[in-house]
C-alpha atoms as a PDB file:
ATOM      1  CA  MET A   1      -8.720  14.359  -0.801  1.00  0.00           C
ATOM      2  CA  ARG A   2     -11.929  14.581  -2.582  1.00  0.00           C
ATOM      3  CA  ARG A   3     -13.982  14.938   0.504  1.00  0.00           C
ATOM      4  CA  LEU A   4     -11.673  17.502   1.860  1.00  0.00           C
ATOM      5  CA  THR A   5     -11.869  19.428  -1.381  1.00  0.00           C
ATOM      6  CA  LEU A   6     -15.450  19.284  -1.401  1.00  0.00           C
ATOM      7  CA  ALA A   7     -15.518  20.599   2.424  1.00  0.00           C
ATOM      8  CA  GLY A   8     -13.376  23.712   0.986  1.00  0.00           C
ATOM      9  CA  ALA A   9     -10.055  22.767   2.972  1.00  0.00           C
ATOM     10  CA  GLY A  10      -8.298  23.741  -0.434  1.00  0.00           C
ATOM     11  CA  ILE A  11      -7.539  22.612  -3.876  1.00  0.00           C
ATOM     12  CA  ALA A  12      -6.345  19.074  -5.186  1.00  0.00           C
ATOM     13  CA  GLN A  13      -5.452  17.279  -8.218  1.00  0.00           C
ATOM     14  CA  LEU A  14      -7.596  14.351  -8.761  1.00  0.00           C
ATOM     15  CA  SER A  15      -8.581  12.044 -11.328  1.00  0.00           C
ATOM     16  CA  LEU A  16     -11.598  12.859 -13.607  1.00  0.00           C
ATOM     17  CA  PHE A  17     -13.439   9.654 -12.648  1.00  0.00           C
ATOM     18  CA  GLN A  18     -13.194  10.777  -8.937  1.00  0.00           C
ATOM     19  CA  VAL A  19     -14.919  14.012  -9.554  1.00  0.00           C
ATOM     20  CA  GLN A  20     -16.675  14.121 -12.813  1.00  0.00           C
ATOM     21  CA  GLU A  21     -20.222  14.286 -11.231  1.00  0.00           C
ATOM     22  CA  ASN A  22     -19.132  17.112  -8.753  1.00  0.00           C
ATOM     23  CA  LEU A  23     -17.918  19.087 -11.704  1.00  0.00           C
ATOM     24  CA  THR A  24     -21.172  18.524 -13.596  1.00  0.00           C
ATOM     25  CA  VAL A  25     -23.197  19.691 -10.940  1.00  0.00           C
ATOM     26  CA  GLY A  26     -20.964  22.625  -9.964  1.00  0.00           C
ATOM     27  CA  LYS A  27     -19.725  21.409  -6.473  1.00  0.00           C
ATOM     28  CA  LEU A  28     -16.414  21.650  -7.792  1.00  0.00           C
ATOM     29  CA  VAL A  29     -14.612  23.901 -10.557  1.00  0.00           C
ATOM     30  CA  PRO A  30     -11.540  23.311 -12.333  1.00  0.00           C
ATOM     31  CA  VAL A  31      -8.634  25.853 -11.342  1.00  0.00           C
ATOM     32  CA  LEU A  32      -4.994  26.067 -12.569  1.00  0.00           C
ATOM     33  CA  GLU A  33      -5.958  23.985 -15.749  1.00  0.00           C
ATOM     34  CA  ARG A  34      -2.834  25.030 -17.656  1.00  0.00           C
ATOM     35  CA  PHE A  35      -0.921  23.083 -14.933  1.00  0.00           C
ATOM     36  CA  ALA A  36      -3.179  20.069 -15.024  1.00  0.00           C
ATOM     37  CA  ALA A  37      -1.393  16.932 -16.207  1.00  0.00           C
ATOM     38  CA  TRP A  38      -3.570  15.837 -19.129  1.00  0.00           C
ATOM     39  CA  GLU A  39      -1.178  13.360 -20.383  1.00  0.00           C
ATOM     40  CA  PRO A  40      -2.195   9.746 -19.398  1.00  0.00           C
ATOM     41  CA  GLN A  41      -0.928   8.512 -16.171  1.00  0.00           C
ATOM     42  CA  THR A  42       0.242   5.046 -15.569  1.00  0.00           C
ATOM     43  CA  VAL A  43      -1.706   2.971 -13.240  1.00  0.00           C
ATOM     44  CA  HIS A  44      -0.534  -0.314 -11.572  1.00  0.00           C
ATOM     45  CA  ALA A  45      -2.839  -2.494  -9.939  1.00  0.00           C
ATOM     46  CA  VAL A  46      -0.960  -4.922  -7.692  1.00  0.00           C
ATOM     47  CA  PHE A  47      -2.477  -7.852  -5.812  1.00  0.00           C
ATOM     48  CA  MET A  48      -0.387  -9.354  -2.927  1.00  0.00           C
ATOM     49  CA  GLY A  49      -1.953 -12.505  -1.974  1.00  0.00           C
ATOM     50  CA  PRO A  50      -0.436 -15.512  -0.136  1.00  0.00           C
ATOM     51  CA  ASN A  51      -0.222 -17.540  -3.513  1.00  0.00           C
ATOM     52  CA  ARG A  52      -0.391 -17.024  -7.272  1.00  0.00           C
ATOM     53  CA  TYR A  53      -4.325 -17.316  -7.375  1.00  0.00           C
ATOM     54  CA  ILE A  54      -5.960 -14.247  -8.180  1.00  0.00           C
ATOM     55  CA  PRO A  55      -9.402 -14.091  -6.492  1.00  0.00           C
ATOM     56  CA  GLN A  56     -12.397 -13.603  -9.010  1.00  0.00           C
ATOM     57  CA  ARG A  57     -13.326 -10.231  -6.926  1.00  0.00           C
ATOM     58  CA  VAL A  58      -9.776  -9.005  -7.543  1.00  0.00           C
ATOM     59  CA  ARG A  59      -9.732  -9.921 -11.243  1.00  0.00           C
ATOM     60  CA  VAL A  60     -13.347  -8.211 -11.783  1.00  0.00           C
ATOM     61  CA  PHE A  61     -11.937  -5.073  -9.927  1.00  0.00           C
ATOM     62  CA  VAL A  62      -8.886  -5.054 -12.061  1.00  0.00           C
ATOM     63  CA  ASP A  63     -10.950  -5.368 -15.336  1.00  0.00           C
ATOM     64  CA  TYR A  64     -13.123  -2.483 -14.253  1.00  0.00           C
ATOM     65  CA  LEU A  65     -10.243  -0.339 -13.739  1.00  0.00           C
ATOM     66  CA  ALA A  66      -8.654  -1.069 -17.065  1.00  0.00           C
ATOM     67  CA  ALA A  67     -12.092  -0.362 -18.820  1.00  0.00           C
ATOM     68  CA  ASN A  68     -12.839   2.825 -16.819  1.00  0.00           C
ATOM     69  CA  LEU A  69      -9.316   4.268 -16.690  1.00  0.00           C
ATOM     70  CA  GLN A  70      -8.849   3.729 -20.600  1.00  0.00           C
ATOM     71  CA  SER A  71     -11.981   5.682 -21.217  1.00  0.00           C
ATOM     72  CA  ASP A  72     -10.985   8.442 -18.658  1.00  0.00           C
ATOM     73  CA  SER A  73      -7.860   8.978 -20.824  1.00  0.00           C
ATOM     74  CA  GLN A  74      -9.974   9.690 -23.732  1.00  0.00           C
ATOM     75  CA  ILE A  75     -12.056  12.275 -21.829  1.00  0.00           C
ATOM     76  CA  CYS A  76      -8.933  13.773 -20.945  1.00  0.00           C
ATOM     77  CA  GLY A  77      -7.668  14.086 -24.245  1.00  0.00           C
ATOM     78  CA  ASP A  78     -11.007  15.592 -25.317  1.00  0.00           C
ATOM     79  CA  MET A  79     -10.610  18.328 -22.699  1.00  0.00           C
ATOM     80  CA  LYS A  80      -7.116  18.961 -23.599  1.00  0.00           C
ATOM     81  CA  SER A  81      -7.906  19.790 -27.064  1.00  0.00           C
ATOM     82  CA  ALA A  82     -10.816  21.895 -26.186  1.00  0.00           C
ATOM     83  CA  SER A  83      -8.760  24.303 -23.946  1.00  0.00           C
END
């Protein structure tokens, strides 16, 4: 979706972590902000492996998501109060 939006194919509602750099450099601009979903969104990370063992690479990825999505919600909160 981000690639299509950058190519000019239309508009999209994307997570801030996906587009922050593009917003900063002006490749994308926010539109329809009053309709944006600034409330925190629930994200579920599900791993369906052959057994109960979670590989280290999956654990690291889930930890990364947890740390970065949490900070993203703080950014959204700051943006909501600024508008």
